[in-house]
N, C-alpha and C. Protein backbone atom coordinates (compact mmCIF):
# COMPACT_ATOMS: atom_id res chain seq x y z
N TRP A 1 174.69 193.43 -75.55
CA TRP A 1 174.70 192.07 -76.03
C TRP A 1 173.33 191.45 -75.82
N ILE A 2 172.90 190.68 -76.78
CA ILE A 2 171.66 189.92 -76.65
C ILE A 2 172.04 188.46 -76.51
N LEU A 3 171.54 187.81 -75.46
CA LEU A 3 171.84 186.40 -75.24
C LEU A 3 170.75 185.55 -75.85
N GLU A 4 171.12 184.68 -76.76
CA GLU A 4 170.19 183.73 -77.36
C GLU A 4 170.18 182.49 -76.48
N ASP A 5 169.05 182.24 -75.81
CA ASP A 5 169.02 181.12 -74.87
C ASP A 5 169.00 179.75 -75.55
N SER A 6 168.75 179.70 -76.85
CA SER A 6 168.72 178.42 -77.54
C SER A 6 169.97 178.20 -78.41
N LEU A 7 170.92 179.13 -78.37
CA LEU A 7 172.11 179.03 -79.20
C LEU A 7 173.20 178.24 -78.49
N ALA A 8 173.72 177.24 -79.16
CA ALA A 8 174.80 176.42 -78.61
C ALA A 8 175.86 176.23 -79.68
N PHE A 9 177.09 176.04 -79.24
CA PHE A 9 178.21 175.78 -80.14
C PHE A 9 178.77 174.41 -79.83
N VAL A 10 179.08 173.65 -80.85
CA VAL A 10 179.76 172.37 -80.68
C VAL A 10 181.21 172.58 -81.08
N VAL A 11 182.11 172.20 -80.19
CA VAL A 11 183.54 172.42 -80.39
C VAL A 11 184.25 171.07 -80.38
N LYS A 12 185.16 170.88 -81.33
CA LYS A 12 185.96 169.66 -81.39
C LYS A 12 187.39 170.02 -81.03
N THR A 13 187.96 169.27 -80.09
CA THR A 13 189.35 169.50 -79.69
C THR A 13 190.28 168.76 -80.65
N ALA A 14 191.57 168.98 -80.49
CA ALA A 14 192.57 168.34 -81.36
C ALA A 14 192.55 166.82 -81.22
N ASN A 15 192.11 166.29 -80.06
CA ASN A 15 192.05 164.84 -79.89
C ASN A 15 190.63 164.29 -80.11
N ASP A 16 189.80 165.01 -80.87
CA ASP A 16 188.47 164.60 -81.30
C ASP A 16 187.43 164.50 -80.19
N GLN A 17 187.65 165.15 -79.05
CA GLN A 17 186.63 165.25 -78.01
C GLN A 17 185.64 166.34 -78.42
N LEU A 18 184.34 166.09 -78.18
CA LEU A 18 183.31 167.06 -78.51
C LEU A 18 182.73 167.68 -77.25
N TYR A 19 182.53 168.99 -77.29
CA TYR A 19 181.93 169.72 -76.19
C TYR A 19 180.85 170.64 -76.73
N LYS A 20 179.78 170.80 -75.95
CA LYS A 20 178.73 171.76 -76.29
C LYS A 20 178.90 172.96 -75.37
N LEU A 21 179.00 174.15 -75.95
CA LEU A 21 179.13 175.39 -75.20
C LEU A 21 177.87 176.23 -75.38
N VAL A 22 177.31 176.66 -74.25
CA VAL A 22 176.13 177.53 -74.28
C VAL A 22 176.51 178.82 -73.56
N PHE A 23 176.33 179.95 -74.22
CA PHE A 23 176.63 181.26 -73.67
C PHE A 23 175.53 181.61 -72.68
N ILE A 24 175.88 181.80 -71.40
CA ILE A 24 174.88 182.02 -70.35
C ILE A 24 174.79 183.47 -69.91
N ASP A 25 175.95 184.12 -69.75
CA ASP A 25 175.93 185.47 -69.17
C ASP A 25 177.10 186.28 -69.68
N PHE A 26 176.90 187.60 -69.73
CA PHE A 26 177.96 188.53 -70.09
C PHE A 26 177.85 189.70 -69.13
N GLU A 27 178.92 189.96 -68.34
CA GLU A 27 178.88 191.01 -67.32
C GLU A 27 178.87 192.40 -67.94
N GLY A 28 179.28 192.53 -69.16
CA GLY A 28 179.30 193.84 -69.81
C GLY A 28 180.68 194.18 -70.32
N SER A 29 180.75 195.26 -71.08
CA SER A 29 182.02 195.62 -71.70
C SER A 29 183.03 196.13 -70.69
N GLY A 30 182.57 196.51 -69.49
CA GLY A 30 183.49 196.98 -68.46
C GLY A 30 184.45 195.90 -68.01
N THR A 31 183.95 194.67 -67.84
CA THR A 31 184.82 193.58 -67.41
C THR A 31 185.14 192.62 -68.55
N GLY A 32 184.20 192.47 -69.48
CA GLY A 32 184.40 191.54 -70.60
C GLY A 32 184.27 190.08 -70.19
N VAL A 33 183.76 189.83 -68.99
CA VAL A 33 183.65 188.47 -68.47
C VAL A 33 182.39 187.81 -69.05
N ALA A 34 182.59 186.67 -69.69
CA ALA A 34 181.49 185.89 -70.25
C ALA A 34 181.43 184.56 -69.52
N THR A 35 180.22 184.03 -69.37
CA THR A 35 180.03 182.74 -68.70
C THR A 35 179.43 181.76 -69.69
N PHE A 36 180.03 180.57 -69.76
CA PHE A 36 179.58 179.51 -70.65
C PHE A 36 179.25 178.27 -69.82
N GLN A 37 178.29 177.51 -70.29
CA GLN A 37 178.04 176.19 -69.74
C GLN A 37 178.68 175.20 -70.69
N LYS A 38 179.54 174.30 -70.17
CA LYS A 38 180.26 173.34 -71.00
C LYS A 38 179.76 171.94 -70.68
N SER A 39 179.37 171.19 -71.72
CA SER A 39 178.92 169.81 -71.55
C SER A 39 179.75 168.90 -72.45
N ALA A 40 180.29 167.85 -71.88
CA ALA A 40 181.06 166.87 -72.67
C ALA A 40 180.08 166.00 -73.44
N LEU A 41 180.31 165.83 -74.74
CA LEU A 41 179.44 165.05 -75.61
C LEU A 41 180.04 163.72 -76.02
N GLY A 42 181.27 163.48 -75.67
CA GLY A 42 181.93 162.25 -76.08
C GLY A 42 182.95 162.52 -77.15
N MET A 43 183.30 161.46 -77.84
CA MET A 43 184.34 161.53 -78.84
C MET A 43 183.77 161.39 -80.24
N LEU A 44 184.36 162.07 -81.19
CA LEU A 44 184.00 161.91 -82.59
C LEU A 44 184.59 160.59 -83.04
N THR A 45 183.75 159.62 -83.36
CA THR A 45 184.19 158.28 -83.71
C THR A 45 184.72 158.27 -85.13
N ASN A 46 185.92 157.76 -85.31
CA ASN A 46 186.55 157.68 -86.62
C ASN A 46 185.79 156.68 -87.49
N THR A 47 185.58 157.02 -88.77
CA THR A 47 184.86 156.12 -89.68
C THR A 47 185.72 154.98 -90.20
N ARG A 48 187.02 155.09 -90.11
CA ARG A 48 187.98 154.05 -90.50
C ARG A 48 187.96 153.71 -91.99
N GLU A 49 187.34 154.52 -92.80
CA GLU A 49 187.35 154.28 -94.25
C GLU A 49 188.25 155.32 -94.88
N GLU A 50 189.38 154.87 -95.38
CA GLU A 50 190.41 155.77 -95.86
C GLU A 50 189.95 156.68 -97.00
N ASN A 51 189.17 156.17 -97.94
CA ASN A 51 188.75 156.96 -99.10
C ASN A 51 187.47 157.74 -98.87
N SER A 52 186.86 157.60 -97.72
CA SER A 52 185.60 158.26 -97.43
C SER A 52 185.79 159.75 -97.18
N VAL A 53 184.79 160.54 -97.51
CA VAL A 53 184.81 161.97 -97.23
C VAL A 53 184.46 162.22 -95.75
N PHE A 54 183.84 161.24 -95.09
CA PHE A 54 183.50 161.35 -93.67
C PHE A 54 184.72 161.00 -92.82
N GLU A 55 185.03 161.88 -91.86
CA GLU A 55 186.17 161.61 -90.97
C GLU A 55 185.71 161.07 -89.62
N GLY A 56 184.54 161.45 -89.17
CA GLY A 56 184.07 161.01 -87.88
C GLY A 56 182.60 161.34 -87.70
N ILE A 57 181.97 160.70 -86.69
CA ILE A 57 180.54 160.86 -86.46
C ILE A 57 180.25 160.67 -84.98
N ASN A 58 179.23 161.38 -84.50
CA ASN A 58 178.76 161.22 -83.12
C ASN A 58 177.28 161.57 -83.09
N VAL A 59 176.50 160.78 -82.36
CA VAL A 59 175.08 161.04 -82.13
C VAL A 59 174.89 161.16 -80.63
N TYR A 60 174.24 162.23 -80.18
CA TYR A 60 173.99 162.37 -78.76
C TYR A 60 172.66 163.07 -78.55
N PRO A 61 171.99 162.84 -77.46
CA PRO A 61 172.35 161.76 -76.54
C PRO A 61 172.05 160.43 -77.21
N ASN A 62 172.65 159.39 -76.76
CA ASN A 62 172.40 158.06 -77.30
C ASN A 62 172.52 157.07 -76.15
N PRO A 63 171.43 156.59 -75.61
CA PRO A 63 170.08 156.53 -76.18
C PRO A 63 169.38 157.89 -76.18
N ILE A 64 168.44 158.02 -77.12
CA ILE A 64 167.68 159.26 -77.26
C ILE A 64 166.22 158.99 -76.91
N VAL A 65 165.50 160.07 -76.64
CA VAL A 65 164.06 159.97 -76.41
C VAL A 65 163.34 160.45 -77.66
N ARG A 66 163.61 161.67 -78.09
CA ARG A 66 162.99 162.19 -79.29
C ARG A 66 163.92 163.13 -80.07
N ASP A 67 164.70 163.92 -79.36
CA ASP A 67 165.60 164.88 -79.99
C ASP A 67 167.01 164.31 -80.03
N LEU A 68 167.67 164.52 -81.17
CA LEU A 68 169.06 164.07 -81.30
C LEU A 68 169.88 165.15 -81.97
N THR A 69 171.15 165.11 -81.69
CA THR A 69 172.10 165.96 -82.38
C THR A 69 173.12 165.05 -83.05
N LEU A 70 173.31 165.27 -84.32
CA LEU A 70 174.27 164.52 -85.12
C LEU A 70 175.45 165.44 -85.40
N THR A 71 176.64 164.97 -85.07
CA THR A 71 177.85 165.72 -85.36
C THR A 71 178.73 164.84 -86.23
N PHE A 72 179.18 165.39 -87.36
CA PHE A 72 180.09 164.65 -88.23
C PHE A 72 181.09 165.60 -88.85
N SER A 73 182.21 165.07 -89.24
CA SER A 73 183.27 165.86 -89.83
C SER A 73 183.49 165.41 -91.27
N LEU A 74 183.60 166.39 -92.18
CA LEU A 74 183.79 166.10 -93.59
C LEU A 74 185.14 166.63 -94.08
N LYS A 75 185.81 165.85 -94.92
CA LYS A 75 187.08 166.27 -95.51
C LYS A 75 186.87 167.39 -96.53
N LYS A 76 185.69 167.39 -97.17
CA LYS A 76 185.34 168.46 -98.11
C LYS A 76 183.82 168.63 -98.11
N ALA A 77 183.36 169.82 -98.49
CA ALA A 77 181.92 170.12 -98.49
C ALA A 77 181.17 169.15 -99.41
N GLN A 78 179.96 168.82 -99.02
CA GLN A 78 179.13 167.87 -99.77
C GLN A 78 177.72 168.44 -99.94
N LYS A 79 177.21 168.40 -101.15
CA LYS A 79 175.81 168.75 -101.41
C LYS A 79 174.95 167.52 -101.18
N ARG A 80 173.74 167.74 -100.76
CA ARG A 80 172.76 166.67 -100.58
C ARG A 80 173.25 165.51 -99.71
N VAL A 81 173.53 165.81 -98.48
CA VAL A 81 173.84 164.76 -97.51
C VAL A 81 172.49 164.18 -97.05
N GLN A 82 172.30 162.90 -97.27
CA GLN A 82 171.03 162.24 -96.93
C GLN A 82 171.18 161.52 -95.60
N LEU A 83 170.24 161.79 -94.70
CA LEU A 83 170.21 161.12 -93.41
C LEU A 83 168.98 160.22 -93.40
N ASN A 84 169.19 158.94 -93.15
CA ASN A 84 168.10 157.96 -93.13
C ASN A 84 168.20 157.15 -91.84
N LEU A 85 167.07 157.00 -91.16
CA LEU A 85 167.02 156.18 -89.96
C LEU A 85 166.23 154.92 -90.29
N PHE A 86 166.87 153.75 -90.03
CA PHE A 86 166.26 152.46 -90.34
C PHE A 86 166.00 151.68 -89.06
N ASN A 87 164.87 150.98 -89.03
CA ASN A 87 164.61 150.07 -87.90
C ASN A 87 165.32 148.74 -88.15
N THR A 88 165.19 147.80 -87.23
CA THR A 88 165.91 146.52 -87.36
C THR A 88 165.38 145.65 -88.49
N ALA A 89 164.18 145.97 -89.00
CA ALA A 89 163.63 145.23 -90.15
C ALA A 89 164.11 145.83 -91.47
N GLY A 90 164.93 146.88 -91.40
CA GLY A 90 165.46 147.51 -92.61
C GLY A 90 164.52 148.53 -93.23
N GLN A 91 163.45 148.90 -92.52
CA GLN A 91 162.50 149.88 -93.04
C GLN A 91 162.96 151.28 -92.67
N ARG A 92 162.90 152.19 -93.64
CA ARG A 92 163.25 153.58 -93.36
C ARG A 92 162.10 154.22 -92.60
N VAL A 93 162.39 154.77 -91.42
CA VAL A 93 161.35 155.35 -90.58
C VAL A 93 161.45 156.87 -90.49
N TRP A 94 162.55 157.44 -90.99
CA TRP A 94 162.75 158.89 -90.97
C TRP A 94 163.84 159.23 -91.96
N ALA A 95 163.71 160.38 -92.62
CA ALA A 95 164.73 160.80 -93.59
C ALA A 95 164.73 162.32 -93.71
N ILE A 96 165.88 162.86 -94.03
CA ILE A 96 166.03 164.29 -94.30
C ILE A 96 167.27 164.47 -95.16
N THR A 97 167.31 165.55 -95.93
CA THR A 97 168.47 165.87 -96.77
C THR A 97 168.95 167.26 -96.40
N THR A 98 170.27 167.41 -96.30
CA THR A 98 170.87 168.69 -95.96
C THR A 98 172.19 168.83 -96.70
N ASP A 99 172.83 169.99 -96.60
CA ASP A 99 174.17 170.19 -97.16
C ASP A 99 175.18 170.04 -96.04
N GLY A 100 176.38 169.58 -96.38
CA GLY A 100 177.45 169.44 -95.40
C GLY A 100 178.62 170.34 -95.75
N VAL A 101 179.15 171.04 -94.76
CA VAL A 101 180.28 171.93 -94.98
C VAL A 101 181.58 171.18 -94.66
N GLU A 102 182.67 171.66 -95.21
CA GLU A 102 183.97 171.08 -94.88
C GLU A 102 184.25 171.30 -93.40
N GLY A 103 184.73 170.27 -92.71
CA GLY A 103 185.00 170.39 -91.28
C GLY A 103 183.85 169.85 -90.46
N LEU A 104 183.68 170.42 -89.29
CA LEU A 104 182.69 169.93 -88.33
C LEU A 104 181.29 170.42 -88.67
N ASN A 105 180.33 169.49 -88.70
CA ASN A 105 178.91 169.78 -88.92
C ASN A 105 178.15 169.32 -87.69
N SER A 106 177.21 170.13 -87.23
CA SER A 106 176.38 169.76 -86.08
C SER A 106 174.93 170.08 -86.43
N LEU A 107 174.08 169.06 -86.42
CA LEU A 107 172.67 169.20 -86.81
C LEU A 107 171.79 168.63 -85.71
N SER A 108 170.73 169.35 -85.33
CA SER A 108 169.79 168.88 -84.31
C SER A 108 168.44 168.61 -84.94
N PHE A 109 167.79 167.52 -84.51
CA PHE A 109 166.52 167.10 -85.09
C PHE A 109 165.58 166.60 -84.01
N SER A 110 164.29 166.74 -84.27
CA SER A 110 163.27 166.07 -83.48
C SER A 110 162.74 164.94 -84.34
N LEU A 111 162.81 163.73 -83.82
CA LEU A 111 162.33 162.57 -84.56
C LEU A 111 160.84 162.37 -84.31
N PRO A 112 160.16 161.69 -85.22
CA PRO A 112 158.76 161.35 -84.95
C PRO A 112 158.70 160.34 -83.80
N GLN A 113 157.52 160.15 -83.25
CA GLN A 113 157.35 159.16 -82.18
C GLN A 113 157.65 157.77 -82.75
N LEU A 114 158.65 157.11 -82.21
CA LEU A 114 159.07 155.79 -82.71
C LEU A 114 159.11 154.80 -81.56
N PRO A 115 158.90 153.52 -81.84
CA PRO A 115 159.00 152.51 -80.79
C PRO A 115 160.42 152.44 -80.22
N LYS A 116 160.53 152.09 -78.95
CA LYS A 116 161.84 151.92 -78.33
C LYS A 116 162.59 150.80 -79.04
N GLY A 117 163.91 150.94 -79.12
CA GLY A 117 164.70 149.89 -79.72
C GLY A 117 165.94 150.39 -80.43
N MET A 118 166.58 149.47 -81.15
CA MET A 118 167.80 149.77 -81.90
C MET A 118 167.44 150.25 -83.31
N TYR A 119 168.19 151.23 -83.79
CA TYR A 119 168.01 151.77 -85.13
C TYR A 119 169.40 151.99 -85.73
N ALA A 120 169.45 152.18 -87.03
CA ALA A 120 170.70 152.50 -87.73
C ALA A 120 170.52 153.83 -88.45
N LEU A 121 171.37 154.79 -88.13
CA LEU A 121 171.36 156.08 -88.80
C LEU A 121 172.39 156.03 -89.92
N ASN A 122 171.92 156.11 -91.15
CA ASN A 122 172.78 156.05 -92.33
C ASN A 122 172.95 157.47 -92.87
N ILE A 123 174.18 157.87 -93.07
CA ILE A 123 174.51 159.20 -93.59
C ILE A 123 175.20 158.99 -94.92
N ARG A 124 174.60 159.51 -95.99
CA ARG A 124 175.09 159.24 -97.34
C ARG A 124 175.30 160.56 -98.09
N SER A 125 176.42 160.61 -98.84
CA SER A 125 176.71 161.76 -99.68
C SER A 125 177.48 161.27 -100.89
N GLU A 126 176.98 161.60 -102.08
CA GLU A 126 177.60 161.18 -103.33
C GLU A 126 177.93 159.70 -103.28
N ALA A 127 179.20 159.33 -103.31
CA ALA A 127 179.59 157.92 -103.33
C ALA A 127 179.99 157.40 -101.95
N TYR A 128 179.77 158.21 -100.89
CA TYR A 128 180.23 157.84 -99.56
C TYR A 128 179.06 157.67 -98.61
N GLN A 129 179.22 156.77 -97.64
CA GLN A 129 178.20 156.62 -96.62
C GLN A 129 178.81 156.03 -95.35
N VAL A 130 178.18 156.35 -94.22
CA VAL A 130 178.54 155.75 -92.94
C VAL A 130 177.24 155.44 -92.22
N THR A 131 177.29 154.46 -91.32
CA THR A 131 176.12 154.09 -90.54
C THR A 131 176.51 154.08 -89.07
N HIS A 132 175.62 154.62 -88.24
CA HIS A 132 175.89 154.72 -86.81
C HIS A 132 174.70 154.16 -86.05
N PRO A 133 174.93 153.32 -85.03
CA PRO A 133 173.81 152.76 -84.26
C PRO A 133 173.17 153.82 -83.36
N VAL A 134 171.85 153.76 -83.23
CA VAL A 134 171.09 154.68 -82.39
C VAL A 134 170.11 153.86 -81.57
N ILE A 135 169.99 154.18 -80.29
CA ILE A 135 169.01 153.53 -79.43
C ILE A 135 167.95 154.56 -79.07
N ILE A 136 166.69 154.20 -79.22
CA ILE A 136 165.59 155.08 -78.84
C ILE A 136 164.93 154.52 -77.59
N ASN A 137 164.84 155.36 -76.56
CA ASN A 137 164.18 154.98 -75.30
C ASN A 137 162.80 155.60 -75.21
């Protein structure tokens, strides 16, 4: 077995709790014992929009310094999911486009150097969008 030290899995439980699992060690095929590091990430927040394709969203850590992980759940796969980060003046300070798969999506990003403060992360796909508050420290 080869252990990827940068590989992590995000797992959602039936009650929408999110956990990050990192594979740390494997004793070998003789025992089959594997060791994982488990970190609680919080809850997938419901979007509360009945007709939306988005079921939930979570940004962690929040507040962030530079790196963030966005986790969201989709009712169906979406092409061209646009992520836009806006400052309090409504100016877009960062953007990226990706594809979204049906179910749980987990994306990690390094943001550019930005002033400390409140921001709004807008996630848009086709006719649907959600916005989540983000604090940068």
